[in-house]
Amino acid sequence: MYKGLQEKADHILSALILHDGCKNGLENSHYTVTEHPLIVSRLIKEKASNQKIAEYVTLLIETHMGQWNKDYKTGIVKLPTPVDETQNFVHLCDYLASRKFLEFNFSAV
């Protein structure tokens, strides 16, 4: 596989693994914290040894909520929305993973 494409795939997989790392915030709320993508992004950037990669992966994380980017109570926009195909791909993966009506039979593949 082309090295650039493999790196892109690695960044996408990293974002998909890490995107809900602080879903309940730092205080372990009983509910999803709207800003959870920003919280986990900040932690990643603080610990990253390669800031260029961290910036790219955290942008994918920060936009993974898509149109559900507003505070539930106030309706104020808290998160950026996807603007390119990679950000939209990460959002779509997260969205599809959240659907309870979808069933995948991996043994059939």
PDB file of N, CA and C in Angstrom:
ATOM      1  N   MET A   1       0.847  -1.190   0.000  1.00  0.00           N
ATOM      2  CA  MET A   1       0.000   0.000   0.000  1.00  0.00           C
ATOM      3  C   MET A   1       0.885   1.244   0.000  1.00  0.00           C
ATOM      4  N   TYR A   2       0.426   2.262  -0.691  1.00  0.00           N
ATOM      5  CA  TYR A   2       1.131   3.531  -0.752  1.00  0.00           C
ATOM      6  C   TYR A   2       1.332   4.072   0.661  1.00  0.00           C
ATOM      7  N   LYS A   3       2.539   4.497   1.000  1.00  0.00           N
ATOM      8  CA  LYS A   3       2.854   4.918   2.362  1.00  0.00           C
ATOM      9  C   LYS A   3       1.936   6.037   2.850  1.00  0.00           C
ATOM     10  N   GLY A   4       1.661   7.039   2.043  1.00  0.00           N
ATOM     11  CA  GLY A   4       0.781   8.132   2.440  1.00  0.00           C
ATOM     12  C   GLY A   4      -0.619   7.657   2.766  1.00  0.00           C
ATOM     13  N   LEU A   5      -1.122   6.713   1.997  1.00  0.00           N
ATOM     14  CA  LEU A   5      -2.452   6.173   2.241  1.00  0.00           C
ATOM     15  C   LEU A   5      -2.473   5.350   3.529  1.00  0.00           C
ATOM     16  N   GLN A   6      -1.413   4.616   3.792  1.00  0.00           N
ATOM     17  CA  GLN A   6      -1.323   3.836   5.032  1.00  0.00           C
ATOM     18  C   GLN A   6      -1.281   4.761   6.248  1.00  0.00           C
ATOM     19  N   GLU A   7      -0.530   5.842   6.132  1.00  0.00           N
ATOM     20  CA  GLU A   7      -0.485   6.812   7.231  1.00  0.00           C
ATOM     21  C   GLU A   7      -1.859   7.423   7.479  1.00  0.00           C
ATOM     22  N   LYS A   8      -2.567   7.742   6.393  1.00  0.00           N
ATOM     23  CA  LYS A   8      -3.912   8.290   6.533  1.00  0.00           C
ATOM     24  C   LYS A   8      -4.829   7.287   7.226  1.00  0.00           C
ATOM     25  N   ALA A   9      -4.732   6.027   6.834  1.00  0.00           N
ATOM     26  CA  ALA A   9      -5.536   4.972   7.461  1.00  0.00           C
ATOM     27  C   ALA A   9      -5.182   4.843   8.941  1.00  0.00           C
ATOM     28  N   ASP A  10      -3.904   4.952   9.265  1.00  0.00           N
ATOM     29  CA  ASP A  10      -3.471   4.890  10.663  1.00  0.00           C
ATOM     30  C   ASP A  10      -4.064   6.039  11.477  1.00  0.00           C
ATOM     31  N   HIS A  11      -4.099   7.222  10.891  1.00  0.00           N
ATOM     32  CA  HIS A  11      -4.668   8.389  11.572  1.00  0.00           C
ATOM     33  C   HIS A  11      -6.165   8.195  11.794  1.00  0.00           C
ATOM     34  N   ILE A  12      -6.849   7.688  10.788  1.00  0.00           N
ATOM     35  CA  ILE A  12      -8.288   7.432  10.908  1.00  0.00           C
ATOM     36  C   ILE A  12      -8.550   6.408  12.004  1.00  0.00           C
ATOM     37  N   LEU A  13      -7.812   5.313  11.988  1.00  0.00           N
ATOM     38  CA  LEU A  13      -8.004   4.282  13.020  1.00  0.00           C
ATOM     39  C   LEU A  13      -7.690   4.818  14.413  1.00  0.00           C
ATOM     40  N   SER A  14      -6.659   5.634  14.506  1.00  0.00           N
ATOM     41  CA  SER A  14      -6.327   6.246  15.804  1.00  0.00           C
ATOM     42  C   SER A  14      -7.479   7.107  16.297  1.00  0.00           C
ATOM     43  N   ALA A  15      -8.043   7.914  15.408  1.00  0.00           N
ATOM     44  CA  ALA A  15      -9.163   8.774  15.789  1.00  0.00           C
ATOM     45  C   ALA A  15     -10.372   7.943  16.206  1.00  0.00           C
ATOM     46  N   LEU A  16     -10.643   6.870  15.475  1.00  0.00           N
ATOM     47  CA  LEU A  16     -11.796   6.030  15.799  1.00  0.00           C
ATOM     48  C   LEU A  16     -11.621   5.315  17.142  1.00  0.00           C
ATOM     49  N   ILE A  17     -10.414   4.957  17.464  1.00  0.00           N
ATOM     50  CA  ILE A  17     -10.153   4.297  18.747  1.00  0.00           C
ATOM     51  C   ILE A  17     -10.244   5.294  19.901  1.00  0.00           C
ATOM     52  N   LEU A  18      -9.725   6.503  19.697  1.00  0.00           N
ATOM     53  CA  LEU A  18      -9.598   7.473  20.786  1.00  0.00           C
ATOM     54  C   LEU A  18     -10.765   8.453  20.930  1.00  0.00           C
ATOM     55  N   HIS A  19     -11.641   8.554  19.949  1.00  0.00           N
ATOM     56  CA  HIS A  19     -12.610   9.659  19.894  1.00  0.00           C
ATOM     57  C   HIS A  19     -13.541   9.766  21.096  1.00  0.00           C
ATOM     58  N   ASP A  20     -13.886   8.688  21.735  1.00  0.00           N
ATOM     59  CA  ASP A  20     -14.778   8.746  22.901  1.00  0.00           C
ATOM     60  C   ASP A  20     -14.031   8.482  24.211  1.00  0.00           C
ATOM     61  N   GLY A  21     -12.739   8.723  24.215  1.00  0.00           N
ATOM     62  CA  GLY A  21     -11.911   8.465  25.391  1.00  0.00           C
ATOM     63  C   GLY A  21     -12.339   9.224  26.630  1.00  0.00           C
ATOM     64  N   CYS A  22     -12.957  10.364  26.464  1.00  0.00           N
ATOM     65  CA  CYS A  22     -13.440  11.169  27.600  1.00  0.00           C
ATOM     66  C   CYS A  22     -14.926  11.449  27.445  1.00  0.00           C
ATOM     67  N   LYS A  23     -15.660  10.459  26.955  1.00  0.00           N
ATOM     68  CA  LYS A  23     -17.088  10.651  26.669  1.00  0.00           C
ATOM     69  C   LYS A  23     -17.869  11.153  27.878  1.00  0.00           C
ATOM     70  N   ASN A  24     -17.469  10.719  29.061  1.00  0.00           N
ATOM     71  CA  ASN A  24     -18.145  11.159  30.281  1.00  0.00           C
ATOM     72  C   ASN A  24     -17.386  12.268  30.993  1.00  0.00           C
ATOM     73  N   GLY A  25     -16.514  12.945  30.275  1.00  0.00           N
ATOM     74  CA  GLY A  25     -15.754  14.049  30.838  1.00  0.00           C
ATOM     75  C   GLY A  25     -14.660  13.571  31.768  1.00  0.00           C
ATOM     76  N   LEU A  26     -14.026  14.498  32.436  1.00  0.00           N
ATOM     77  CA  LEU A  26     -12.959  14.168  33.384  1.00  0.00           C
ATOM     78  C   LEU A  26     -13.523  13.855  34.761  1.00  0.00           C
ATOM     79  N   GLU A  27     -14.771  14.238  34.988  1.00  0.00           N
ATOM     80  CA  GLU A  27     -15.420  14.012  36.288  1.00  0.00           C
ATOM     81  C   GLU A  27     -16.266  12.746  36.285  1.00  0.00           C
ATOM     82  N   ASN A  28     -16.238  11.972  35.173  1.00  0.00           N
ATOM     83  CA  ASN A  28     -16.994  10.726  35.031  1.00  0.00           C
ATOM     84  C   ASN A  28     -18.497  10.941  35.218  1.00  0.00           C
ATOM     85  N   SER A  29     -19.050  11.847  34.449  1.00  0.00           N
ATOM     86  CA  SER A  29     -20.475  12.154  34.472  1.00  0.00           C
ATOM     87  C   SER A  29     -21.287  10.918  34.090  1.00  0.00           C
ATOM     88  N   HIS A  30     -22.532  10.898  34.490  1.00  0.00           N
ATOM     89  CA  HIS A  30     -23.425   9.802  34.106  1.00  0.00           C
ATOM     90  C   HIS A  30     -23.911   9.968  32.672  1.00  0.00           C
ATOM     91  N   TYR A  31     -23.655  11.130  32.092  1.00  0.00           N
ATOM     92  CA  TYR A  31     -24.128  11.444  30.756  1.00  0.00           C
ATOM     93  C   TYR A  31     -22.954  11.813  29.859  1.00  0.00           C
ATOM     94  N   THR A  32     -23.188  11.751  28.571  1.00  0.00           N
ATOM     95  CA  THR A  32     -22.171  12.177  27.616  1.00  0.00           C
ATOM     96  C   THR A  32     -21.951  13.680  27.754  1.00  0.00           C
ATOM     97  N   VAL A  33     -20.708  14.082  27.837  1.00  0.00           N
ATOM     98  CA  VAL A  33     -20.337  15.487  27.917  1.00  0.00           C
ATOM     99  C   VAL A  33     -20.164  15.991  26.480  1.00  0.00           C
ATOM    100  N   THR A  34     -20.909  17.035  26.128  1.00  0.00           N
ATOM    101  CA  THR A  34     -20.899  17.548  24.753  1.00  0.00           C
ATOM    102  C   THR A  34     -19.486  17.810  24.254  1.00  0.00           C
ATOM    103  N   GLU A  35     -18.655  18.404  25.091  1.00  0.00           N
ATOM    104  CA  GLU A  35     -17.296  18.778  24.679  1.00  0.00           C
ATOM    105  C   GLU A  35     -16.294  17.628  24.778  1.00  0.00           C
ATOM    106  N   HIS A  36     -16.761  16.382  24.914  1.00  0.00           N
ATOM    107  CA  HIS A  36     -15.805  15.280  25.100  1.00  0.00           C
ATOM    108  C   HIS A  36     -14.752  15.174  23.998  1.00  0.00           C
ATOM    109  N   PRO A  37     -15.057  15.489  22.729  1.00  0.00           N
ATOM    110  CA  PRO A  37     -13.992  15.439  21.729  1.00  0.00           C
ATOM    111  C   PRO A  37     -12.884  16.465  21.989  1.00  0.00           C
ATOM    112  N   LEU A  38     -13.255  17.624  22.515  1.00  0.00           N
ATOM    113  CA  LEU A  38     -12.260  18.662  22.808  1.00  0.00           C
ATOM    114  C   LEU A  38     -11.406  18.277  24.011  1.00  0.00           C
ATOM    115  N   ILE A  39     -12.022  17.606  24.973  1.00  0.00           N
ATOM    116  CA  ILE A  39     -11.282  17.170  26.170  1.00  0.00           C
ATOM    117  C   ILE A  39     -10.230  16.145  25.800  1.00  0.00           C
ATOM    118  N   VAL A  40     -10.630  15.113  25.055  1.00  0.00           N
ATOM    119  CA  VAL A  40      -9.671  14.072  24.686  1.00  0.00           C
ATOM    120  C   VAL A  40      -8.609  14.634  23.733  1.00  0.00           C
ATOM    121  N   SER A  41      -9.004  15.562  22.872  1.00  0.00           N
ATOM    122  CA  SER A  41      -8.024  16.194  21.968  1.00  0.00           C
ATOM    123  C   SER A  41      -6.950  16.948  22.740  1.00  0.00           C
ATOM    124  N   ARG A  42      -7.378  17.693  23.757  1.00  0.00           N
ATOM    125  CA  ARG A  42      -6.416  18.443  24.570  1.00  0.00           C
ATOM    126  C   ARG A  42      -5.434  17.487  25.249  1.00  0.00           C
ATOM    127  N   LEU A  43      -5.932  16.387  25.786  1.00  0.00           N
ATOM    128  CA  LEU A  43      -5.055  15.417  26.453  1.00  0.00           C
ATOM    129  C   LEU A  43      -4.064  14.791  25.479  1.00  0.00           C
ATOM    130  N   ILE A  44      -4.531  14.480  24.286  1.00  0.00           N
ATOM    131  CA  ILE A  44      -3.651  13.902  23.263  1.00  0.00           C
ATOM    132  C   ILE A  44      -2.552  14.889  22.891  1.00  0.00           C
ATOM    133  N   LYS A  45      -2.928  16.145  22.657  1.00  0.00           N
ATOM    134  CA  LYS A  45      -1.941  17.165  22.274  1.00  0.00           C
ATOM    135  C   LYS A  45      -0.910  17.392  23.381  1.00  0.00           C
ATOM    136  N   GLU A  46      -1.355  17.323  24.638  1.00  0.00           N
ATOM    137  CA  GLU A  46      -0.427  17.506  25.764  1.00  0.00           C
ATOM    138  C   GLU A  46       0.609  16.389  25.836  1.00  0.00           C
ATOM    139  N   LYS A  47       0.231  15.188  25.467  1.00  0.00           N
ATOM    140  CA  LYS A  47       1.108  14.021  25.615  1.00  0.00           C
ATOM    141  C   LYS A  47       1.834  13.610  24.334  1.00  0.00           C
ATOM    142  N   ALA A  48       1.422  14.148  23.200  1.00  0.00           N
ATOM    143  CA  ALA A  48       1.960  13.707  21.911  1.00  0.00           C
ATOM    144  C   ALA A  48       3.429  14.050  21.732  1.00  0.00           C
ATOM    145  N   SER A  49       4.161  13.122  21.168  1.00  0.00           N
ATOM    146  CA  SER A  49       5.559  13.390  20.827  1.00  0.00           C
ATOM    147  C   SER A  49       5.677  13.985  19.426  1.00  0.00           C
ATOM    148  N   ASN A  50       4.649  13.800  18.604  1.00  0.00           N
ATOM    149  CA  ASN A  50       4.632  14.365  17.255  1.00  0.00           C
ATOM    150  C   ASN A  50       3.394  15.250  17.134  1.00  0.00           C
ATOM    151  N   GLN A  51       3.582  16.552  17.260  1.00  0.00           N
ATOM    152  CA  GLN A  51       2.464  17.490  17.261  1.00  0.00           C
ATOM    153  C   GLN A  51       1.754  17.560  15.906  1.00  0.00           C
ATOM    154  N   LYS A  52       2.463  17.339  14.823  1.00  0.00           N
ATOM    155  CA  LYS A  52       1.839  17.387  13.498  1.00  0.00           C
ATOM    156  C   LYS A  52       0.805  16.264  13.371  1.00  0.00           C
ATOM    157  N   ILE A  53       1.170  15.075  13.770  1.00  0.00           N
ATOM    158  CA  ILE A  53       0.235  13.949  13.729  1.00  0.00           C
ATOM    159  C   ILE A  53      -0.896  14.179  14.726  1.00  0.00           C
ATOM    160  N   ALA A  54      -0.560  14.662  15.909  1.00  0.00           N
ATOM    161  CA  ALA A  54      -1.578  14.923  16.930  1.00  0.00           C
ATOM    162  C   ALA A  54      -2.616  15.924  16.431  1.00  0.00           C
ATOM    163  N   GLU A  55      -2.174  16.963  15.737  1.00  0.00           N
ATOM    164  CA  GLU A  55      -3.104  17.964  15.203  1.00  0.00           C
ATOM    165  C   GLU A  55      -4.083  17.330  14.213  1.00  0.00           C
ATOM    166  N   TYR A  56      -3.566  16.457  13.356  1.00  0.00           N
ATOM    167  CA  TYR A  56      -4.422  15.822  12.350  1.00  0.00           C
ATOM    168  C   TYR A  56      -5.421  14.865  12.995  1.00  0.00           C
ATOM    169  N   VAL A  57      -4.937  14.007  13.877  1.00  0.00           N
ATOM    170  CA  VAL A  57      -5.806  13.030  14.537  1.00  0.00           C
ATOM    171  C   VAL A  57      -6.845  13.738  15.400  1.00  0.00           C
ATOM    172  N   THR A  58      -6.441  14.761  16.126  1.00  0.00           N
ATOM    173  CA  THR A  58      -7.400  15.450  16.995  1.00  0.00           C
ATOM    174  C   THR A  58      -8.443  16.228  16.195  1.00  0.00           C
ATOM    175  N   LEU A  59      -8.101  16.701  15.007  1.00  0.00           N
ATOM    176  CA  LEU A  59      -9.109  17.339  14.166  1.00  0.00           C
ATOM    177  C   LEU A  59     -10.175  16.318  13.756  1.00  0.00           C
ATOM    178  N   LEU A  60      -9.751  15.097  13.460  1.00  0.00           N
ATOM    179  CA  LEU A  60     -10.715  14.034  13.141  1.00  0.00           C
ATOM    180  C   LEU A  60     -11.599  13.734  14.349  1.00  0.00           C
ATOM    181  N   ILE A  61     -11.005  13.732  15.524  1.00  0.00           N
ATOM    182  CA  ILE A  61     -11.757  13.487  16.757  1.00  0.00           C
ATOM    183  C   ILE A  61     -12.746  14.618  17.022  1.00  0.00           C
ATOM    184  N   GLU A  62     -12.288  15.842  16.896  1.00  0.00           N
ATOM    185  CA  GLU A  62     -13.115  17.010  17.219  1.00  0.00           C
ATOM    186  C   GLU A  62     -14.332  17.148  16.309  1.00  0.00           C
ATOM    187  N   THR A  63     -14.275  16.604  15.101  1.00  0.00           N
ATOM    188  CA  THR A  63     -15.385  16.725  14.155  1.00  0.00           C
ATOM    189  C   THR A  63     -16.224  15.453  14.060  1.00  0.00           C
ATOM    190  N   HIS A  64     -15.947  14.455  14.880  1.00  0.00           N
ATOM    191  CA  HIS A  64     -16.632  13.161  14.720  1.00  0.00           C
ATOM    192  C   HIS A  64     -18.115  13.189  15.049  1.00  0.00           C
ATOM    193  N   MET A  65     -18.589  14.205  15.739  1.00  0.00           N
ATOM    194  CA  MET A  65     -20.005  14.276  16.109  1.00  0.00           C
ATOM    195  C   MET A  65     -20.896  14.792  14.968  1.00  0.00           C
ATOM    196  N   GLY A  66     -20.294  15.324  13.914  1.00  0.00           N
ATOM    197  CA  GLY A  66     -21.078  15.797  12.780  1.00  0.00           C
ATOM    198  C   GLY A  66     -22.066  16.870  13.178  1.00  0.00           C
ATOM    199  N   GLN A  67     -23.311  16.715  12.733  1.00  0.00           N
ATOM    200  CA  GLN A  67     -24.323  17.734  13.012  1.00  0.00           C
ATOM    201  C   GLN A  67     -24.788  17.734  14.463  1.00  0.00           C
ATOM    202  N   TRP A  68     -24.392  16.755  15.247  1.00  0.00           N
ATOM    203  CA  TRP A  68     -24.735  16.724  16.678  1.00  0.00           C
ATOM    204  C   TRP A  68     -23.632  17.432  17.470  1.00  0.00           C
ATOM    205  N   ASN A  69     -23.407  18.674  17.131  1.00  0.00           N
ATOM    206  CA  ASN A  69     -22.291  19.444  17.667  1.00  0.00           C
ATOM    207  C   ASN A  69     -22.727  20.542  18.640  1.00  0.00           C
ATOM    208  N   LYS A  70     -23.983  20.464  19.095  1.00  0.00           N
ATOM    209  CA  LYS A  70     -24.518  21.503  19.988  1.00  0.00           C
ATOM    210  C   LYS A  70     -24.694  20.969  21.403  1.00  0.00           C
ATOM    211  N   ASP A  71     -24.622  21.873  22.354  1.00  0.00           N
ATOM    212  CA  ASP A  71     -24.914  21.535  23.739  1.00  0.00           C
ATOM    213  C   ASP A  71     -26.385  21.124  23.823  1.00  0.00           C
ATOM    214  N   TYR A  72     -26.635  20.010  24.498  1.00  0.00           N
ATOM    215  CA  TYR A  72     -27.998  19.475  24.575  1.00  0.00           C
ATOM    216  C   TYR A  72     -28.971  20.439  25.247  1.00  0.00           C
ATOM    217  N   LYS A  73     -28.530  21.140  26.245  1.00  0.00           N
ATOM    218  CA  LYS A  73     -29.423  22.020  27.020  1.00  0.00           C
ATOM    219  C   LYS A  73     -29.579  23.402  26.399  1.00  0.00           C
ATOM    220  N   THR A  74     -28.483  23.984  25.941  1.00  0.00           N
ATOM    221  CA  THR A  74     -28.526  25.370  25.472  1.00  0.00           C
ATOM    222  C   THR A  74     -28.686  25.504  23.964  1.00  0.00           C
ATOM    223  N   GLY A  75     -28.335  24.467  23.212  1.00  0.00           N
ATOM    224  CA  GLY A  75     -28.383  24.547  21.755  1.00  0.00           C
ATOM    225  C   GLY A  75     -27.228  25.309  21.147  1.00  0.00           C
ATOM    226  N   ILE A  76     -26.255  25.692  21.978  1.00  0.00           N
ATOM    227  CA  ILE A  76     -25.087  26.438  21.505  1.00  0.00           C
ATOM    228  C   ILE A  76     -24.097  25.481  20.849  1.00  0.00           C
ATOM    229  N   VAL A  77     -23.585  25.868  19.678  1.00  0.00           N
ATOM    230  CA  VAL A  77     -22.602  25.052  18.966  1.00  0.00           C
ATOM    231  C   VAL A  77     -21.325  24.982  19.791  1.00  0.00           C
ATOM    232  N   LYS A  78     -20.875  23.758  20.065  1.00  0.00           N
ATOM    233  CA  LYS A  78     -19.673  23.549  20.876  1.00  0.00           C
ATOM    234  C   LYS A  78     -18.538  22.896  20.091  1.00  0.00           C
ATOM    235  N   LEU A  79     -18.870  22.232  18.977  1.00  0.00           N
ATOM    236  CA  LEU A  79     -17.880  21.447  18.239  1.00  0.00           C
ATOM    237  C   LEU A  79     -17.892  21.801  16.753  1.00  0.00           C
ATOM    238  N   PRO A  80     -16.745  21.672  16.101  1.00  0.00           N
ATOM    239  CA  PRO A  80     -16.714  21.888  14.653  1.00  0.00           C
ATOM    240  C   PRO A  80     -17.374  20.710  13.923  1.00  0.00           C
ATOM    241  N   THR A  81     -17.866  20.960  12.727  1.00  0.00           N
ATOM    242  CA  THR A  81     -18.428  19.897  11.907  1.00  0.00           C
ATOM    243  C   THR A  81     -17.408  19.467  10.850  1.00  0.00           C
ATOM    244  N   PRO A  82     -17.550  18.261  10.326  1.00  0.00           N
ATOM    245  CA  PRO A  82     -16.610  17.792   9.305  1.00  0.00           C
ATOM    246  C   PRO A  82     -16.660  18.665   8.055  1.00  0.00           C
ATOM    247  N   VAL A  83     -15.474  18.909   7.482  1.00  0.00           N
ATOM    248  CA  VAL A  83     -15.416  19.728   6.269  1.00  0.00           C
ATOM    249  C   VAL A  83     -14.735  19.013   5.106  1.00  0.00           C
ATOM    250  N   ASP A  84     -14.102  17.871   5.354  1.00  0.00           N
ATOM    251  CA  ASP A  84     -13.470  17.148   4.250  1.00  0.00           C
ATOM    252  C   ASP A  84     -13.876  15.671   4.298  1.00  0.00           C
ATOM    253  N   GLU A  85     -13.477  14.927   3.301  1.00  0.00           N
ATOM    254  CA  GLU A  85     -13.927  13.536   3.196  1.00  0.00           C
ATOM    255  C   GLU A  85     -13.398  12.650   4.328  1.00  0.00           C
ATOM    256  N   THR A  86     -12.223  12.919   4.833  1.00  0.00           N
ATOM    257  CA  THR A  86     -11.681  12.104   5.918  1.00  0.00           C
ATOM    258  C   THR A  86     -12.445  12.364   7.207  1.00  0.00           C
ATOM    259  N   GLN A  87     -12.721  13.610   7.506  1.00  0.00           N
ATOM    260  CA  GLN A  87     -13.508  13.946   8.695  1.00  0.00           C
ATOM    261  C   GLN A  87     -14.916  13.362   8.575  1.00  0.00           C
ATOM    262  N   ASN A  88     -15.512  13.457   7.391  1.00  0.00           N
ATOM    263  CA  ASN A  88     -16.834  12.877   7.175  1.00  0.00           C
ATOM    264  C   ASN A  88     -16.811  11.360   7.312  1.00  0.00           C
ATOM    265  N   PHE A  89     -15.740  10.718   6.885  1.00  0.00           N
ATOM    266  CA  PHE A  89     -15.614   9.270   7.014  1.00  0.00           C
ATOM    267  C   PHE A  89     -15.596   8.859   8.486  1.00  0.00           C
ATOM    268  N   VAL A  90     -14.805   9.560   9.294  1.00  0.00           N
ATOM    269  CA  VAL A  90     -14.750   9.260  10.730  1.00  0.00           C
ATOM    270  C   VAL A  90     -16.121   9.479  11.358  1.00  0.00           C
ATOM    271  N   HIS A  91     -16.778  10.570  10.999  1.00  0.00           N
ATOM    272  CA  HIS A  91     -18.131  10.834  11.514  1.00  0.00           C
ATOM    273  C   HIS A  91     -19.083   9.707  11.114  1.00  0.00           C
ATOM    274  N   LEU A  92     -19.057   9.298   9.865  1.00  0.00           N
ATOM    275  CA  LEU A  92     -19.951   8.250   9.391  1.00  0.00           C
ATOM    276  C   LEU A  92     -19.684   6.921  10.105  1.00  0.00           C
ATOM    277  N   CYS A  93     -18.421   6.600  10.316  1.00  0.00           N
ATOM    278  CA  CYS A  93     -18.082   5.371  11.065  1.00  0.00           C
ATOM    279  C   CYS A  93     -18.674   5.424  12.464  1.00  0.00           C
ATOM    280  N   ASP A  94     -18.528   6.551  13.134  1.00  0.00           N
ATOM    281  CA  ASP A  94     -19.072   6.698  14.488  1.00  0.00           C
ATOM    282  C   ASP A  94     -20.597   6.607  14.465  1.00  0.00           C
ATOM    283  N   TYR A  95     -21.207   7.253  13.498  1.00  0.00           N
ATOM    284  CA  TYR A  95     -22.668   7.233  13.384  1.00  0.00           C
ATOM    285  C   TYR A  95     -23.170   5.806  13.155  1.00  0.00           C
ATOM    286  N   LEU A  96     -22.565   5.113  12.215  1.00  0.00           N
ATOM    287  CA  LEU A  96     -23.005   3.740  11.926  1.00  0.00           C
ATOM    288  C   LEU A  96     -22.801   2.817  13.121  1.00  0.00           C
ATOM    289  N   ALA A  97     -21.722   3.016  13.846  1.00  0.00           N
ATOM    290  CA  ALA A  97     -21.465   2.192  15.038  1.00  0.00           C
ATOM    291  C   ALA A  97     -22.513   2.422  16.118  1.00  0.00           C
ATOM    292  N   SER A  98     -23.156   3.577  16.099  1.00  0.00           N
ATOM    293  CA  SER A  98     -24.145   3.895  17.122  1.00  0.00           C
ATOM    294  C   SER A  98     -25.540   3.376  16.780  1.00  0.00           C
ATOM    295  N   ARG A  99     -25.736   2.900  15.571  1.00  0.00           N
ATOM    296  CA  ARG A  99     -27.061   2.450  15.146  1.00  0.00           C
ATOM    297  C   ARG A  99     -27.337   1.044  15.677  1.00  0.00           C
ATOM    298  N   LYS A 100     -28.395   0.897  16.408  1.00  0.00           N
ATOM    299  CA  LYS A 100     -28.751  -0.391  17.004  1.00  0.00           C
ATOM    300  C   LYS A 100     -29.447  -1.320  16.011  1.00  0.00           C
ATOM    301  N   PHE A 101     -29.984  -0.769  14.930  1.00  0.00           N
ATOM    302  CA  PHE A 101     -30.710  -1.586  13.967  1.00  0.00           C
ATOM    303  C   PHE A 101     -29.803  -2.272  12.955  1.00  0.00           C
ATOM    304  N   LEU A 102     -28.537  -1.921  12.916  1.00  0.00           N
ATOM    305  CA  LEU A 102     -27.606  -2.535  11.977  1.00  0.00           C
ATOM    306  C   LEU A 102     -26.999  -3.786  12.594  1.00  0.00           C
ATOM    307  N   GLU A 103     -26.901  -4.821  11.790  1.00  0.00           N
ATOM    308  CA  GLU A 103     -26.286  -6.060  12.258  1.00  0.00           C
ATOM    309  C   GLU A 103     -25.314  -6.529  11.195  1.00  0.00           C
ATOM    310  N   PHE A 104     -24.106  -6.854  11.593  1.00  0.00           N
ATOM    311  CA  PHE A 104     -23.082  -7.293  10.680  1.00  0.00           C
ATOM    312  C   PHE A 104     -22.718  -8.740  10.954  1.00  0.00           C
ATOM    313  N   ASN A 105     -22.744  -9.555   9.944  1.00  0.00           N
ATOM    314  CA  ASN A 105     -22.358 -10.949  10.082  1.00  0.00           C
ATOM    315  C   ASN A 105     -20.962 -11.107   9.497  1.00  0.00           C
ATOM    316  N   PHE A 106     -19.955 -10.924  10.339  1.00  0.00           N
ATOM    317  CA  PHE A 106     -18.571 -10.971   9.867  1.00  0.00           C
ATOM    318  C   PHE A 106     -18.133 -12.368   9.485  1.00  0.00           C
ATOM    319  N   SER A 107     -18.794 -13.388   9.992  1.00  0.00           N
ATOM    320  CA  SER A 107     -18.415 -14.761   9.630  1.00  0.00           C
ATOM    321  C   SER A 107     -18.814 -15.066   8.179  1.00  0.00           C
ATOM    322  N   ALA A 108     -19.721 -14.272   7.608  1.00  0.00           N
ATOM    323  CA  ALA A 108     -20.145 -14.476   6.229  1.00  0.00           C
ATOM    324  C   ALA A 108     -19.158 -13.888   5.229  1.00  0.00           C
ATOM    325  N   VAL A 109     -18.236 -13.089   5.702  1.00  0.00           N
ATOM    326  CA  VAL A 109     -17.288 -12.408   4.817  1.00  0.00           C
ATOM    327  C   VAL A 109     -16.156 -13.334   4.458  1.00  0.00           C
TER     328      VAL A 109
END
